[in-house]
Amino acid sequence: MNALEIEGVVFAYGARRALDGLDFTTARGRFTALLGPNGAGKSTLIALLTRLYDLRQGEIRIEGYSLRRQPGQALQRMGVVFQQSTLDLDLTVEQNLRYHAALHGLSRARASARIDMELERQALGERRRCKVRELNGGHRRRVEIARALLHEPSVLLLDEASAGLDPASRQALNAHVRQLCRDDHMSVLWTTHLLDEVQPDDDLLVLNRGRLVARGPAAALAAEGEDLATTFARLTEIAA
């Protein structure tokens, strides 16, 4: 079974197609990088996967569950970190997590256990009573990851999760998510427009203007005599 299956997905903003017949799968337990320039359609895809936008054409399955016909089962298997933060800045870290746990129907005892576990894993235990606005950008992202993992999903989506972070924080966040993937065999879809967030052994999807222009192991996608940056520039220029 694949983690994600995207078949013939089309989405338009008026006359402009943001996604144009998108087809791909991602393997379970793998870190998959979805690379594309700004405006390629990455955030539109995340909005469809999370049902912020209604899927009108095509099919999306999450671990075999259709997002159209079995939305509850599909979404329960997925955690999400959006590009724009959705934390309440005036609540503490723990209050943000408890609110999310309640939305997922976790009992108070179960929520407490899961919050303790995720805060420890994210090295945030000492900040649980801090208001979110007191945290730096990297720590806020870790709170969002902790929140996304509370209900124990097996698929983690991160939409430009490093946006706004300094280079050291970006690198640390990327490494942290990869460690989660290795330790928990979690299926990760990491969307980015930054080549330095892609590693040679990643499963790589290259998106441009709503179409998939390349896919495969990152190390294998670079054409002979080219590095990945040169290949990416050529692919997106051709697709444009």
C-alpha atoms as a PDB file:
ATOM      1  CA  MET A   1       0.000   0.000   0.000  1.00  0.00           C
ATOM      2  CA  ASN A   2       1.203   3.504  -0.829  1.00  0.00           C
ATOM      3  CA  ALA A   3       1.091   6.385   1.634  1.00  0.00           C
ATOM      4  CA  LEU A   4      -0.483   8.763  -0.889  1.00  0.00           C
ATOM      5  CA  GLU A   5      -2.078   8.112  -4.253  1.00  0.00           C
ATOM      6  CA  ILE A   6      -2.894  11.098  -6.468  1.00  0.00           C
ATOM      7  CA  GLU A   7      -4.744  10.305  -9.698  1.00  0.00           C
ATOM      8  CA  GLY A   8      -5.790  12.781 -12.365  1.00  0.00           C
ATOM      9  CA  VAL A   9      -6.156  15.698  -9.957  1.00  0.00           C
ATOM     10  CA  VAL A  10      -7.194  18.968 -11.578  1.00  0.00           C
ATOM     11  CA  PHE A  11      -7.839  22.223  -9.751  1.00  0.00           C
ATOM     12  CA  ALA A  12      -8.359  25.690 -11.197  1.00  0.00           C
ATOM     13  CA  TYR A  13      -8.651  29.227  -9.901  1.00  0.00           C
ATOM     14  CA  GLY A  14     -11.058  30.582 -12.477  1.00  0.00           C
ATOM     15  CA  ALA A  15      -9.474  30.026 -15.877  1.00  0.00           C
ATOM     16  CA  ARG A  16      -6.017  29.260 -14.467  1.00  0.00           C
ATOM     17  CA  ARG A  17      -5.214  25.637 -13.727  1.00  0.00           C
ATOM     18  CA  ALA A  18      -3.127  25.339 -10.582  1.00  0.00           C
ATOM     19  CA  LEU A  19      -2.989  21.538 -10.903  1.00  0.00           C
ATOM     20  CA  ASP A  20      -3.309  19.963 -14.330  1.00  0.00           C
ATOM     21  CA  GLY A  21      -3.875  16.213 -14.316  1.00  0.00           C
ATOM     22  CA  LEU A  22      -1.537  15.438 -11.418  1.00  0.00           C
ATOM     23  CA  ASP A  23      -0.599  11.760 -10.942  1.00  0.00           C
ATOM     24  CA  PHE A  24       1.860  10.280  -8.462  1.00  0.00           C
ATOM     25  CA  THR A  25       2.230   7.935  -5.486  1.00  0.00           C
ATOM     26  CA  THR A  26       4.470   8.099  -2.426  1.00  0.00           C
ATOM     27  CA  ALA A  27       5.888   5.059  -0.668  1.00  0.00           C
ATOM     28  CA  ARG A  28       5.092   4.259   2.945  1.00  0.00           C
ATOM     29  CA  GLY A  29       7.846   5.013   5.426  1.00  0.00           C
ATOM     30  CA  ARG A  30       9.764   7.249   3.024  1.00  0.00           C
ATOM     31  CA  PHE A  31      10.767  10.911   2.992  1.00  0.00           C
ATOM     32  CA  THR A  32       9.359  12.305  -0.244  1.00  0.00           C
ATOM     33  CA  ALA A  33      10.364  15.818  -1.290  1.00  0.00           C
ATOM     34  CA  LEU A  34       7.944  17.732  -3.512  1.00  0.00           C
ATOM     35  CA  LEU A  35      10.130  20.372  -5.152  1.00  0.00           C
ATOM     36  CA  GLY A  36       8.835  23.227  -7.242  1.00  0.00           C
ATOM     37  CA  PRO A  37       9.224  26.962  -7.755  1.00  0.00           C
ATOM     38  CA  ASN A  38       6.824  29.369  -6.101  1.00  0.00           C
ATOM     39  CA  GLY A  39       3.443  29.086  -7.799  1.00  0.00           C
ATOM     40  CA  ALA A  40       4.013  25.497  -8.945  1.00  0.00           C
ATOM     41  CA  GLY A  41       0.887  24.230  -7.165  1.00  0.00           C
ATOM     42  CA  LYS A  42       2.409  22.740  -4.013  1.00  0.00           C
ATOM     43  CA  SER A  43       0.205  24.601  -1.532  1.00  0.00           C
ATOM     44  CA  THR A  44      -2.883  23.952  -3.666  1.00  0.00           C
ATOM     45  CA  LEU A  45      -2.177  20.240  -3.427  1.00  0.00           C
ATOM     46  CA  ILE A  46      -1.806  20.454   0.364  1.00  0.00           C
ATOM     47  CA  ALA A  47      -5.120  22.338   0.555  1.00  0.00           C
ATOM     48  CA  LEU A  48      -6.806  19.525  -1.391  1.00  0.00           C
ATOM     49  CA  LEU A  49      -5.166  16.820   0.721  1.00  0.00           C
ATOM     50  CA  THR A  50      -6.429  18.491   3.903  1.00  0.00           C
ATOM     51  CA  ARG A  51      -9.872  19.267   2.439  1.00  0.00           C
ATOM     52  CA  LEU A  52      -9.456  23.015   2.752  1.00  0.00           C
ATOM     53  CA  TYR A  53     -10.386  22.929  -0.934  1.00  0.00           C
ATOM     54  CA  ASP A  54     -13.005  20.608  -2.380  1.00  0.00           C
ATOM     55  CA  LEU A  55     -11.656  17.938  -4.733  1.00  0.00           C
ATOM     56  CA  ARG A  56     -13.816  18.139  -7.850  1.00  0.00           C
ATOM     57  CA  GLN A  57     -11.770  16.223 -10.395  1.00  0.00           C
ATOM     58  CA  GLY A  58      -9.482  13.272  -9.770  1.00  0.00           C
ATOM     59  CA  GLU A  59      -8.904  10.937  -6.837  1.00  0.00           C
ATOM     60  CA  ILE A  60      -6.815  11.180  -3.675  1.00  0.00           C
ATOM     61  CA  ARG A  61      -6.235   8.208  -1.377  1.00  0.00           C
ATOM     62  CA  ILE A  62      -4.409   8.286   1.942  1.00  0.00           C
ATOM     63  CA  GLU A  63      -3.170   4.819   2.914  1.00  0.00           C
ATOM     64  CA  GLY A  64      -5.874   3.373   0.686  1.00  0.00           C
ATOM     65  CA  TYR A  65      -8.740   5.514   2.023  1.00  0.00           C
ATOM     66  CA  SER A  66     -10.492   7.726  -0.497  1.00  0.00           C
ATOM     67  CA  LEU A  67     -10.609  11.367   0.525  1.00  0.00           C
ATOM     68  CA  ARG A  68     -13.955  11.660  -1.274  1.00  0.00           C
ATOM     69  CA  ARG A  69     -15.725   8.591   0.095  1.00  0.00           C
ATOM     70  CA  GLN A  70     -13.933   7.971   3.414  1.00  0.00           C
ATOM     71  CA  PRO A  71     -12.748  11.413   4.569  1.00  0.00           C
ATOM     72  CA  GLY A  72     -12.787  10.584   8.274  1.00  0.00           C
ATOM     73  CA  GLN A  73     -10.558   7.540   7.943  1.00  0.00           C
ATOM     74  CA  ALA A  74      -8.268   9.292   5.470  1.00  0.00           C
ATOM     75  CA  LEU A  75      -7.723  12.433   7.542  1.00  0.00           C
ATOM     76  CA  GLN A  76      -7.222  10.482  10.768  1.00  0.00           C
ATOM     77  CA  ARG A  77      -4.080   8.988   9.255  1.00  0.00           C
ATOM     78  CA  MET A  78      -2.550  12.327   8.455  1.00  0.00           C
ATOM     79  CA  GLY A  79      -0.812  15.107  10.383  1.00  0.00           C
ATOM     80  CA  VAL A  80      -0.181  18.509   8.811  1.00  0.00           C
ATOM     81  CA  VAL A  81       2.161  21.455   9.285  1.00  0.00           C
ATOM     82  CA  PHE A  82       0.970  24.340   7.129  1.00  0.00           C
ATOM     83  CA  GLN A  83       3.147  27.052   5.603  1.00  0.00           C
ATOM     84  CA  GLN A  84       1.377  29.729   7.628  1.00  0.00           C
ATOM     85  CA  SER A  85       1.309  29.101  11.357  1.00  0.00           C
ATOM     86  CA  THR A  86      -2.103  28.291  12.834  1.00  0.00           C
ATOM     87  CA  LEU A  87      -1.048  28.361  16.494  1.00  0.00           C
ATOM     88  CA  ASP A  88      -2.857  30.685  18.902  1.00  0.00           C
ATOM     89  CA  LEU A  89      -0.114  33.074  19.999  1.00  0.00           C
ATOM     90  CA  ASP A  90      -1.858  34.020  23.251  1.00  0.00           C
ATOM     91  CA  LEU A  91      -2.251  30.427  24.466  1.00  0.00           C
ATOM     92  CA  THR A  92       0.535  28.419  26.009  1.00  0.00           C
ATOM     93  CA  VAL A  93       2.195  25.570  24.171  1.00  0.00           C
ATOM     94  CA  GLU A  94       0.248  23.040  26.239  1.00  0.00           C
ATOM     95  CA  GLN A  95      -3.064  24.833  25.729  1.00  0.00           C
ATOM     96  CA  ASN A  96      -2.583  24.768  21.965  1.00  0.00           C
ATOM     97  CA  LEU A  97      -1.897  21.043  22.108  1.00  0.00           C
ATOM     98  CA  ARG A  98      -4.842  20.285  24.388  1.00  0.00           C
ATOM     99  CA  TYR A  99      -7.215  22.120  22.068  1.00  0.00           C
ATOM    100  CA  HIS A 100      -5.996  20.045  19.126  1.00  0.00           C
ATOM    101  CA  ALA A 101      -6.263  16.817  21.118  1.00  0.00           C
ATOM    102  CA  ALA A 102      -9.879  17.649  21.984  1.00  0.00           C
ATOM    103  CA  LEU A 103     -10.665  18.202  18.303  1.00  0.00           C
ATOM    104  CA  HIS A 104      -9.419  14.681  17.618  1.00  0.00           C
ATOM    105  CA  GLY A 105     -11.507  13.217  20.432  1.00  0.00           C
ATOM    106  CA  LEU A 106      -8.645  12.191  22.701  1.00  0.00           C
ATOM    107  CA  SER A 107      -9.615  11.657  26.336  1.00  0.00           C
ATOM    108  CA  ARG A 108      -7.979  13.981  28.860  1.00  0.00           C
ATOM    109  CA  ALA A 109      -5.777  11.173  30.169  1.00  0.00           C
ATOM    110  CA  ARG A 110      -4.742  10.105  26.667  1.00  0.00           C
ATOM    111  CA  ALA A 111      -4.135  13.719  25.659  1.00  0.00           C
ATOM    112  CA  SER A 112      -1.892  14.268  28.686  1.00  0.00           C
ATOM    113  CA  ALA A 113       0.171  11.197  27.863  1.00  0.00           C
ATOM    114  CA  ARG A 114       0.523  12.136  24.196  1.00  0.00           C
ATOM    115  CA  ILE A 115       1.375  15.766  24.991  1.00  0.00           C
ATOM    116  CA  ASP A 116       4.073  14.698  27.458  1.00  0.00           C
ATOM    117  CA  MET A 117       5.537  12.291  24.894  1.00  0.00           C
ATOM    118  CA  GLU A 118       5.583  14.735  21.987  1.00  0.00           C
ATOM    119  CA  LEU A 119       6.917  17.648  24.018  1.00  0.00           C
ATOM    120  CA  GLU A 120       9.768  15.456  25.216  1.00  0.00           C
ATOM    121  CA  ARG A 121      10.477  14.274  21.674  1.00  0.00           C
ATOM    122  CA  GLN A 122      10.504  17.856  20.394  1.00  0.00           C
ATOM    123  CA  ALA A 123      12.706  18.988  23.334  1.00  0.00           C
ATOM    124  CA  LEU A 124       9.996  21.433  24.393  1.00  0.00           C
ATOM    125  CA  GLY A 125       9.129  20.141  27.853  1.00  0.00           C
ATOM    126  CA  GLU A 126      10.502  23.233  29.606  1.00  0.00           C
ATOM    127  CA  ARG A 127       8.452  25.504  27.346  1.00  0.00           C
ATOM    128  CA  ARG A 128       5.054  23.878  27.814  1.00  0.00           C
ATOM    129  CA  ARG A 129       3.727  26.789  29.892  1.00  0.00           C
ATOM    130  CA  CYS A 130       5.220  29.495  27.670  1.00  0.00           C
ATOM    131  CA  LYS A 131       2.895  31.474  25.473  1.00  0.00           C
ATOM    132  CA  VAL A 132       3.564  30.716  21.821  1.00  0.00           C
ATOM    133  CA  ARG A 133       4.360  34.354  21.078  1.00  0.00           C
ATOM    134  CA  GLU A 134       7.382  34.023  23.412  1.00  0.00           C
ATOM    135  CA  LEU A 135       8.940  31.306  21.240  1.00  0.00           C
ATOM    136  CA  ASN A 136      11.282  31.755  18.299  1.00  0.00           C
ATOM    137  CA  GLY A 137      10.358  30.538  14.821  1.00  0.00           C
ATOM    138  CA  GLY A 138      12.118  27.203  15.091  1.00  0.00           C
ATOM    139  CA  HIS A 139      10.439  26.336  18.385  1.00  0.00           C
ATOM    140  CA  ARG A 140       7.026  27.339  17.018  1.00  0.00           C
ATOM    141  CA  ARG A 141       7.530  24.927  14.133  1.00  0.00           C
ATOM    142  CA  ARG A 142       8.375  22.176  16.614  1.00  0.00           C
ATOM    143  CA  VAL A 143       5.163  22.904  18.498  1.00  0.00           C
ATOM    144  CA  GLU A 144       3.287  22.518  15.216  1.00  0.00           C
ATOM    145  CA  ILE A 145       4.992  19.193  14.559  1.00  0.00           C
ATOM    146  CA  ALA A 146       4.114  18.022  18.087  1.00  0.00           C
ATOM    147  CA  ARG A 147       0.520  19.059  17.461  1.00  0.00           C
ATOM    148  CA  ALA A 148       0.436  17.270  14.097  1.00  0.00           C
ATOM    149  CA  LEU A 149       1.623  14.033  15.738  1.00  0.00           C
ATOM    150  CA  LEU A 150      -0.693  14.007  18.773  1.00  0.00           C
ATOM    151  CA  HIS A 151      -3.281  11.698  17.215  1.00  0.00           C
ATOM    152  CA  GLU A 152      -0.514   9.322  16.011  1.00  0.00           C
ATOM    153  CA  PRO A 153      -0.850   9.702  12.248  1.00  0.00           C
ATOM    154  CA  SER A 154       1.247   7.611   9.896  1.00  0.00           C
ATOM    155  CA  VAL A 155       1.521  10.286   7.179  1.00  0.00           C
ATOM    156  CA  LEU A 156       3.012  13.733   7.866  1.00  0.00           C
ATOM    157  CA  LEU A 157       2.568  16.611   5.408  1.00  0.00           C
ATOM    158  CA  LEU A 158       4.757  19.709   5.695  1.00  0.00           C
ATOM    159  CA  ASP A 159       4.019  22.608   3.364  1.00  0.00           C
ATOM    160  CA  GLU A 160       7.078  24.885   3.074  1.00  0.00           C
ATOM    161  CA  ALA A 161       7.550  24.271   6.802  1.00  0.00           C
ATOM    162  CA  SER A 162      10.896  26.050   6.897  1.00  0.00           C
ATOM    163  CA  ALA A 163       9.506  29.315   5.510  1.00  0.00           C
ATOM    164  CA  GLY A 164      10.731  32.305   7.519  1.00  0.00           C
ATOM    165  CA  LEU A 165      13.378  30.393   9.462  1.00  0.00           C
ATOM    166  CA  ASP A 166      17.060  31.273   9.479  1.00  0.00           C
ATOM    167  CA  PRO A 167      19.394  28.807   7.675  1.00  0.00           C
ATOM    168  CA  ALA A 168      20.478  26.998  10.861  1.00  0.00           C
ATOM    169  CA  SER A 169      16.870  26.549  12.007  1.00  0.00           C
ATOM    170  CA  ARG A 170      15.853  25.350   8.536  1.00  0.00           C
ATOM    171  CA  GLN A 171      18.581  22.739   8.558  1.00  0.00           C
ATOM    172  CA  ALA A 172      17.708  21.605  12.081  1.00  0.00           C
ATOM    173  CA  LEU A 173      14.007  21.286  11.249  1.00  0.00           C
ATOM    174  CA  ASN A 174      14.716  19.294   8.097  1.00  0.00           C
ATOM    175  CA  ALA A 175      17.034  16.939   9.987  1.00  0.00           C
ATOM    176  CA  HIS A 176      14.494  16.555  12.788  1.00  0.00           C
ATOM    177  CA  VAL A 177      11.691  15.503  10.436  1.00  0.00           C
ATOM    178  CA  ARG A 178      13.995  13.012   8.725  1.00  0.00           C
ATOM    179  CA  GLN A 179      14.797  11.514  12.125  1.00  0.00           C
ATOM    180  CA  LEU A 180      11.067  11.089  12.792  1.00  0.00           C
ATOM    181  CA  CYS A 181      10.765   9.315   9.460  1.00  0.00           C
ATOM    182  CA  ARG A 182      13.617   6.934  10.333  1.00  0.00           C
ATOM    183  CA  ASP A 183      12.590   6.298  13.945  1.00  0.00           C
ATOM    184  CA  ASP A 184       8.839   5.857  13.406  1.00  0.00           C
ATOM    185  CA  HIS A 185       8.779   4.696   9.770  1.00  0.00           C
ATOM    186  CA  MET A 186       6.561   7.686   9.133  1.00  0.00           C
ATOM    187  CA  SER A 187       5.607   8.629   5.581  1.00  0.00           C
ATOM    188  CA  VAL A 188       6.617  12.247   4.985  1.00  0.00           C
ATOM    189  CA  LEU A 189       5.702  14.627   2.163  1.00  0.00           C
ATOM    190  CA  TRP A 190       7.900  17.726   2.445  1.00  0.00           C
ATOM    191  CA  THR A 191       7.114  20.513  -0.014  1.00  0.00           C
ATOM    192  CA  THR A 192       9.790  23.090  -0.747  1.00  0.00           C
ATOM    193  CA  HIS A 193      11.271  25.379  -3.370  1.00  0.00           C
ATOM    194  CA  LEU A 194      14.741  25.139  -1.798  1.00  0.00           C
ATOM    195  CA  LEU A 195      17.179  22.640  -3.290  1.00  0.00           C
ATOM    196  CA  ASP A 196      19.317  22.439  -0.151  1.00  0.00           C
ATOM    197  CA  GLU A 197      16.397  20.763   1.651  1.00  0.00           C
ATOM    198  CA  VAL A 198      16.587  17.777  -0.716  1.00  0.00           C
ATOM    199  CA  GLN A 199      19.019  14.913  -0.090  1.00  0.00           C
ATOM    200  CA  PRO A 200      20.351  12.453  -2.708  1.00  0.00           C
ATOM    201  CA  ASP A 201      18.457   9.440  -1.349  1.00  0.00           C
ATOM    202  CA  ASP A 202      15.078  11.219  -1.159  1.00  0.00           C
ATOM    203  CA  ASP A 203      12.164  10.199  -3.315  1.00  0.00           C
ATOM    204  CA  LEU A 204      11.806  13.390  -5.353  1.00  0.00           C
ATOM    205  CA  LEU A 205       8.842  14.850  -7.226  1.00  0.00           C
ATOM    206  CA  VAL A 206       9.397  17.984  -9.326  1.00  0.00           C
ATOM    207  CA  LEU A 207       6.297  20.101  -9.898  1.00  0.00           C
ATOM    208  CA  ASN A 208       5.977  23.092 -12.201  1.00  0.00           C
ATOM    209  CA  ARG A 209       2.851  24.978 -13.254  1.00  0.00           C
ATOM    210  CA  GLY A 210       0.632  22.248 -11.890  1.00  0.00           C
ATOM    211  CA  ARG A 211       2.296  19.384 -13.732  1.00  0.00           C
ATOM    212  CA  LEU A 212       4.746  16.731 -12.579  1.00  0.00           C
ATOM    213  CA  VAL A 213       7.843  17.165 -14.742  1.00  0.00           C
ATOM    214  CA  ALA A 214      10.130  14.588 -13.062  1.00  0.00           C
ATOM    215  CA  ARG A 215      10.069  11.909 -10.386  1.00  0.00           C
ATOM    216  CA  GLY A 216      12.465   9.351  -8.939  1.00  0.00           C
ATOM    217  CA  PRO A 217      15.411   9.134  -6.533  1.00  0.00           C
ATOM    218  CA  ALA A 218      16.937  12.604  -6.237  1.00  0.00           C
ATOM    219  CA  ALA A 219      20.426  11.354  -7.061  1.00  0.00           C
ATOM    220  CA  ALA A 220      19.163   9.719 -10.267  1.00  0.00           C
ATOM    221  CA  LEU A 221      17.222  12.714 -11.568  1.00  0.00           C
ATOM    222  CA  ALA A 222      20.234  14.893 -12.289  1.00  0.00           C
ATOM    223  CA  ALA A 223      21.137  14.463 -15.949  1.00  0.00           C
ATOM    224  CA  GLU A 224      24.631  13.238 -16.845  1.00  0.00           C
ATOM    225  CA  GLY A 225      27.107  16.021 -16.280  1.00  0.00           C
ATOM    226  CA  GLU A 226      24.616  18.142 -14.313  1.00  0.00           C
ATOM    227  CA  ASP A 227      23.981  18.738 -10.651  1.00  0.00           C
ATOM    228  CA  LEU A 228      20.433  18.737  -9.315  1.00  0.00           C
ATOM    229  CA  ALA A 229      20.219  22.535  -9.353  1.00  0.00           C
ATOM    230  CA  THR A 230      21.037  22.669 -13.064  1.00  0.00           C
ATOM    231  CA  THR A 231      18.593  19.874 -13.860  1.00  0.00           C
ATOM    232  CA  PHE A 232      15.849  21.550 -11.807  1.00  0.00           C
ATOM    233  CA  ALA A 233      16.389  24.877 -13.587  1.00  0.00           C
ATOM    234  CA  ARG A 234      16.271  23.147 -16.975  1.00  0.00           C
ATOM    235  CA  LEU A 235      13.154  21.117 -16.146  1.00  0.00           C
ATOM    236  CA  THR A 236      11.188  24.065 -14.838  1.00  0.00           C
ATOM    237  CA  GLU A 237      12.275  26.265 -17.739  1.00  0.00           C
ATOM    238  CA  ILE A 238      11.162  23.654 -20.285  1.00  0.00           C
ATOM    239  CA  ALA A 239       7.872  23.100 -18.444  1.00  0.00           C
ATOM    240  CA  ALA A 240       7.218  26.839 -18.275  1.00  0.00           C
END
